[in-house]
Each structure stands twice: as C-alpha cells, then as structure tokens.
Amino acid sequence: MTPDIELDIDELVLHGFAPGDRAGIAGAVQSELARLFAEHGVPARLNTSSMIPHLDGGSFPVAAGASPAGIGAQVARMVYGGLGQ
C-alpha cells in the first residue's frame, strides 16, 4: 500500500520567468510531482523527516520558448531529486 503524503510547498522561488506563466508552471509542478511520487514512490528522506525547512533544487537550463508546462515539469523533477538526497 502506498502511503498517503501531503507535500506543502510554502514558497517556490523562480527567477527569470514571466509573471503570467506562474499558474501554468505551478500546475505543472503539482502534476509532475504527483506522477513522480506515484511512479517512483516516496523518497527515503521523507520517511525520516516530516519537515524540510529549505530545499535548494538547483538550477537548470531552459530552452528559448519553453512552455510553462515544460518548465514546471523540470522544476518538479529538480524538487523530487532534491528530496531524494
């Protein structure tokens, strides 16, 4: 049985993106994180800590003209990867 988890991201700071892309990026982050948790499970770090006060997801290159959905998916993969460290 897969455990129920609630992931609450208080603040997500992204630099260099248009304010109008905020909702699209946020929705894609949520969708991609749900997919990653469903496919790959809960990272071990979350089994030992119920609160992570700060997570630096790092940086990543974004192709010119990338869609908010694509950017959000990249952000989610960086967050999920950071949770596994």
Protein backbone atom coordinates (compact mmCIF):
# COMPACT_ATOMS: atom_id res chain seq x y z
CA MET A 1 0.00 0.00 0.00
CA THR A 2 1.33 3.42 -0.96
CA PRO A 3 1.42 5.83 1.97
CA ASP A 4 -0.66 8.98 1.80
CA ILE A 5 1.54 12.03 1.81
CA GLU A 6 0.85 15.72 1.82
CA LEU A 7 3.53 17.92 0.35
CA ASP A 8 3.10 21.58 1.21
CA ILE A 9 5.41 23.92 -0.68
CA ASP A 10 5.22 27.20 1.18
CA GLU A 11 7.22 29.18 -1.35
CA LEU A 12 8.71 28.34 -4.72
CA VAL A 13 11.18 30.94 -5.96
CA LEU A 14 11.88 31.02 -9.68
CA HIS A 15 13.85 33.79 -11.33
CA GLY A 16 13.59 34.91 -14.93
CA PHE A 17 10.05 33.81 -15.79
CA ALA A 18 7.07 35.92 -16.81
CA PRO A 19 4.56 36.56 -14.01
CA GLY A 20 1.79 35.41 -16.36
CA ASP A 21 3.36 31.93 -16.51
CA ARG A 22 3.03 31.43 -12.74
CA ALA A 23 -0.23 29.42 -12.77
CA GLY A 24 0.88 27.20 -15.65
CA ILE A 25 4.23 26.47 -14.01
CA ALA A 26 2.60 25.78 -10.62
CA GLY A 27 0.03 23.41 -12.13
CA ALA A 28 2.72 21.51 -14.00
CA VAL A 29 4.85 21.25 -10.84
CA GLN A 30 1.90 19.74 -8.99
CA SER A 31 1.04 17.28 -11.77
CA GLU A 32 4.61 16.15 -12.32
CA LEU A 33 5.30 15.72 -8.61
CA ALA A 34 2.16 13.57 -8.30
CA ARG A 35 3.35 11.45 -11.23
CA LEU A 36 6.85 11.07 -9.80
CA PHE A 37 5.57 10.03 -6.37
CA ALA A 38 3.16 7.55 -7.97
CA GLU A 39 5.79 6.02 -10.26
CA HIS A 40 8.87 6.15 -8.04
CA GLY A 41 7.49 6.25 -4.51
CA VAL A 42 8.29 8.39 -1.53
CA PRO A 43 11.96 9.37 -1.26
CA ALA A 44 13.63 7.89 1.82
CA ARG A 45 14.37 11.37 3.18
CA LEU A 46 10.65 11.92 3.73
CA ASN A 47 10.40 8.70 5.73
CA THR A 48 12.91 10.06 8.26
CA SER A 49 11.91 13.73 8.35
CA SER A 50 8.45 15.20 8.38
CA MET A 51 9.69 18.72 7.73
CA ILE A 52 12.34 20.01 5.39
CA PRO A 53 12.72 23.74 6.09
CA HIS A 54 14.66 24.53 2.90
CA LEU A 55 15.34 22.64 -0.30
CA ASP A 56 17.61 24.05 -2.98
CA GLY A 57 16.53 22.42 -6.21
CA GLY A 58 19.48 23.89 -8.04
CA SER A 59 19.37 25.39 -11.49
CA PHE A 60 18.65 24.05 -14.94
CA PRO A 61 18.80 25.32 -18.49
CA VAL A 62 15.53 26.33 -20.12
CA ALA A 63 15.18 26.31 -23.88
CA ALA A 64 14.02 29.54 -25.50
CA GLY A 65 10.26 29.42 -25.91
CA ALA A 66 9.77 26.64 -23.37
CA SER A 67 6.17 26.29 -22.25
CA PRO A 68 5.07 26.83 -18.65
CA ALA A 69 4.12 23.12 -18.57
CA GLY A 70 7.62 22.09 -19.63
CA ILE A 71 9.24 24.46 -17.15
CA GLY A 72 7.01 23.21 -14.33
CA ALA A 73 7.86 19.60 -15.13
CA GLN A 74 11.58 20.46 -14.97
CA VAL A 75 11.09 22.20 -11.63
CA ALA A 76 9.21 19.19 -10.24
CA ARG A 77 11.97 16.80 -11.29
CA MET A 78 14.55 19.03 -9.56
CA VAL A 79 12.44 19.18 -6.38
CA TYR A 80 11.84 15.42 -6.39
CA GLY A 81 15.55 14.80 -6.96
CA GLY A 82 16.39 17.14 -4.08
CA LEU A 83 14.04 15.22 -1.81
CA GLY A 84 15.98 12.05 -2.56
CA GLN A 85 19.30 13.49 -1.40
